[in-house]
Amino acid sequence: MDLFKAIQELYAEKERLERVIVSLEELQRNAGAVPAVSNVVKRRGRKFMDPKERQEVSDRMKKYWAARRKERQKRASGHGA
């Protein structure tokens, strides 16, 4: 199968799926069911972290890298003896 043709078919399928999703969300809104999650689905890229989450990640990574350095030093001193 030609790669260009495969890509075109995938884009066409993506368009069909997007239309179906929009139709289902519209049905959901009209039925008064659970609110649509279209904003969450459309969001791409990195997740936003508030300052508390960022600090938690920072502390966790500092602990991780400290353990890695300690293990590396332990292995380095063990080979020389």
Protein backbone atom coordinates (compact mmCIF):
# COMPACT_ATOMS: atom_id res chain seq x y z
CA MET A 1 0.00 0.00 0.00
CA ASP A 2 1.24 3.45 -0.89
CA LEU A 3 2.19 5.41 2.24
CA PHE A 4 0.63 8.62 0.93
CA LYS A 5 -2.64 6.79 0.21
CA ALA A 6 -2.62 5.25 3.71
CA ILE A 7 -2.15 8.67 5.28
CA GLN A 8 -4.99 10.12 3.22
CA GLU A 9 -7.29 7.26 4.25
CA LEU A 10 -6.41 7.82 7.91
CA TYR A 11 -7.21 11.53 7.63
CA ALA A 12 -10.55 10.68 6.01
CA GLU A 13 -11.32 8.24 8.82
CA LYS A 14 -10.35 10.89 11.38
CA GLU A 15 -12.80 13.33 9.79
CA ARG A 16 -15.58 10.72 9.89
CA LEU A 17 -14.85 9.97 13.55
CA GLU A 18 -14.88 13.66 14.44
CA ARG A 19 -18.27 14.07 12.78
CA VAL A 20 -19.64 11.08 14.68
CA ILE A 21 -18.27 12.43 17.97
CA VAL A 22 -19.87 15.82 17.35
CA SER A 23 -23.20 14.13 16.55
CA LEU A 24 -23.07 12.02 19.71
CA GLU A 25 -22.19 15.03 21.85
CA GLU A 26 -25.12 16.91 20.36
CA LEU A 27 -27.44 14.01 21.16
CA GLN A 28 -26.06 13.93 24.69
CA ARG A 29 -26.67 17.66 25.17
CA ASN A 30 -30.20 17.40 23.81
CA ALA A 31 -30.99 14.41 26.04
CA GLY A 32 -29.91 16.37 29.12
CA ALA A 33 -27.52 13.63 30.17
CA VAL A 34 -24.01 14.07 31.53
CA PRO A 35 -22.38 17.28 30.22
CA ALA A 36 -20.19 16.87 27.17
CA VAL A 37 -16.43 16.67 27.67
CA SER A 38 -15.51 18.32 24.38
CA ASN A 39 -13.16 20.84 26.05
CA VAL A 40 -11.11 18.06 27.62
CA VAL A 41 -10.96 16.04 24.41
CA LYS A 42 -9.77 18.96 22.27
CA ARG A 43 -6.98 20.00 24.65
CA ARG A 44 -3.53 18.97 23.51
CA GLY A 45 0.00 19.53 24.67
CA ARG A 46 1.41 19.57 28.15
CA LYS A 47 -0.72 19.27 31.24
CA PHE A 48 -0.91 22.42 33.31
CA MET A 49 0.51 22.05 36.80
CA ASP A 50 -0.29 24.38 39.63
CA PRO A 51 2.60 25.46 41.89
CA LYS A 52 1.83 22.77 44.49
CA GLU A 53 1.97 19.98 41.89
CA ARG A 54 5.16 21.43 40.42
CA GLN A 55 6.81 21.47 43.86
CA GLU A 56 5.76 17.85 44.49
CA VAL A 57 7.33 16.78 41.20
CA SER A 58 10.46 18.79 42.00
CA ASP A 59 10.84 17.15 45.43
CA ARG A 60 10.23 13.69 43.99
CA MET A 61 12.81 14.17 41.24
CA LYS A 62 15.42 15.57 43.65
CA LYS A 63 14.98 12.44 45.77
CA TYR A 64 15.17 10.24 42.67
CA TRP A 65 18.38 11.82 41.36
CA ALA A 66 20.00 11.79 44.82
CA ALA A 67 19.34 8.04 45.01
CA ARG A 68 20.79 7.59 41.52
CA ARG A 69 23.96 9.51 42.45
CA LYS A 70 24.32 7.50 45.65
CA GLU A 71 23.93 4.20 43.77
CA ARG A 72 26.42 5.33 41.14
CA GLN A 73 28.99 6.27 43.79
CA LYS A 74 28.45 2.95 45.55
CA ARG A 75 29.08 1.03 42.33
CA ALA A 76 32.12 3.16 41.47
CA SER A 77 33.74 2.57 44.88
CA GLY A 78 32.93 -1.15 44.79
CA HIS A 79 34.77 -1.75 41.50
CA GLY A 80 37.98 -0.09 42.69
CA ALA A 81 38.38 -2.24 45.82
